[in-house]
Amino acid sequence: MSTELAGSNNSMPPELPPTGERLHTSEHGVSMLEHLHRYALARSLCQDRNVLDIACGEGYGSNLLAQASARVIGVDISADAISHAAAKYKRNNLCFVEGSADRIPLGAGVVDIVVSFETLEHHDRHLEMISETKRVLRPEGMLIISTPDKLHYTDLPNYLNPFHQKELYLEEFRGLLRSQFRNVGMLLQKVVYCSLISPETKAQGFTEYWGTYSNIGSSEMLEQQVYNICIASDAELPEAGLSIFDGSDMLAEDIDRRVLLYANSRSYRLGRALTWPLRRLLRKS
């Protein structure tokens, strides 16, 4: 059985100017998949709860959470982001407040769940932020938080995000959370170009999510499959669990090949030849 909840916004204000620091609903790609998957997971845990979304940015995530939660408060340090979110997302159980992650503008013990995705790395007051989330949580409350893994996000690909002040390795992240919470469970995330094979019956621990910035659906089993695979025998069948085949490397090779073919194509070379005088003029000016 699948579920889907839709947003209820018809008239939208203009998008915030893109700066590269925050995800905007005009953007589509890997970051969109990563963020929507995290919010889909969080929403499944926020049913009928009072929720705080720290560093809510444009507000789409708070809006998604509000579709399932009793009440959601979105907090962001940017006054422009808060004004935009309040104008774009209007629900009786949703509000937006300006404030910082290390000085949350709420009283103690007022929310059941704190959600904060991709916030820690944008500042260096990590302990202060985690302490603040613990302060505003009710007893037995829960924090759902994510941050890039410095090893795989920065070190190995030799990539530097100009908006990040302090990234954490996995064990640093775990240690920070254990300093404030008794129980800490880690989930690992990456985006892949893949094929998915799932048992016909409910896969243990598997949920499929889909959707957009305005609505998210879910199912506890794979739906709308394109192929059916059967294992048959008179003997007892072997266990065939959920699996994926990651084709990201092949996709990257195919993209490189297509770019090379285009660069060597007659139309590309002709276009460069025709625009050469203009490009030469622009370089001189």
Foldseek 3Di string as FASTA:
>chain_A
DKDKDFADFDDADDWDPDDPPDDTQVDDDFVQVVVVVLLVVVLVVAAQWEEEEEQCFQPLSQLQSVRGYVAYEYEHQDPVSQVRNCRGHDDPRYHYDYDHLLCDPDAFAATQEYEYEADCQQDPPLLSNLVVVNRNHHVVGYYHYDHDACVVPDVPVVDDDPRGDDGHHPVVVVVSNVVRDVDDDDDDDDDFDKDKDADPPQAVPDKDWDDGSGMIMIDRGDPPDPDDDDDDDPDDDDDDHIDMDGPRVVVVVVVVVVVVCVCPDPVNVVVCVVCVVVVVVVVVD
